[in-house]
Amino acid sequence: MSFPNIPDVTPEIDIDREDVINLLLASIAFEELGLAHIFNAEAEKIQYISI
């Protein structure tokens, strides 16, 4: 079995303070959305059991 040939990539990422703030807010929003979906699924399970 041979090892994969991975090229030497050195990406340059240049983001300023405003971009960082926007990315953090978007990350928090997506995390909140994921938690809301989990809570909703659990609530639906409880409703199904109590019927």
Protein backbone atom coordinates (compact mmCIF):
# COMPACT_ATOMS: atom_id res chain seq x y z
CA MET A 1 0.00 0.00 0.00
CA SER A 2 1.46 3.34 -1.01
CA PHE A 3 1.10 6.70 0.64
CA PRO A 4 -0.93 9.42 -1.09
CA ASN A 5 0.93 12.18 -2.85
CA ILE A 6 -0.07 15.37 -1.04
CA PRO A 7 1.10 18.60 -2.68
CA ASP A 8 2.79 21.27 -0.59
CA VAL A 9 0.04 23.86 -0.29
CA THR A 10 0.58 27.01 1.72
CA PRO A 11 -2.64 29.02 1.48
CA GLU A 12 -2.60 32.63 2.52
CA ILE A 13 -5.76 33.66 4.33
CA ASP A 14 -6.18 37.36 4.95
CA ILE A 15 -9.21 38.33 7.01
CA ASP A 16 -9.74 41.53 8.88
CA ARG A 17 -11.46 42.19 12.20
CA GLU A 18 -14.90 42.69 10.65
CA ASP A 19 -14.68 39.35 8.81
CA VAL A 20 -13.67 37.59 12.02
CA ILE A 21 -16.63 39.07 13.90
CA ASN A 22 -19.03 38.08 11.11
CA LEU A 23 -17.64 34.54 10.98
CA LEU A 24 -17.95 34.16 14.75
CA LEU A 25 -21.54 35.41 14.72
CA ALA A 26 -22.43 33.07 11.86
CA SER A 27 -20.82 30.17 13.71
CA ILE A 28 -22.82 30.93 16.86
CA ALA A 29 -26.02 31.25 14.82
CA PHE A 30 -25.50 27.86 13.16
CA GLU A 31 -24.78 26.27 16.53
CA GLU A 32 -27.98 27.74 17.95
CA LEU A 33 -29.91 26.48 14.93
CA GLY A 34 -28.51 22.98 15.43
CA LEU A 35 -29.46 23.01 19.10
CA ALA A 36 -32.96 24.20 18.21
CA HIS A 37 -33.38 21.24 15.86
CA ILE A 38 -32.20 18.84 18.56
CA PHE A 39 -34.61 20.34 21.12
CA ASN A 40 -37.46 20.16 18.63
CA ALA A 41 -36.75 16.50 17.87
CA GLU A 42 -36.68 15.66 21.58
CA ALA A 43 -39.94 17.55 22.16
CA GLU A 44 -41.58 15.61 19.35
CA LYS A 45 -40.44 12.34 20.95
CA ILE A 46 -41.97 13.38 24.26
CA GLN A 47 -45.22 14.35 22.57
CA TYR A 48 -45.35 10.99 20.78
CA ILE A 49 -44.83 9.10 24.06
CA SER A 50 -47.44 11.09 26.00
CA ILE A 51 -50.22 10.60 23.46
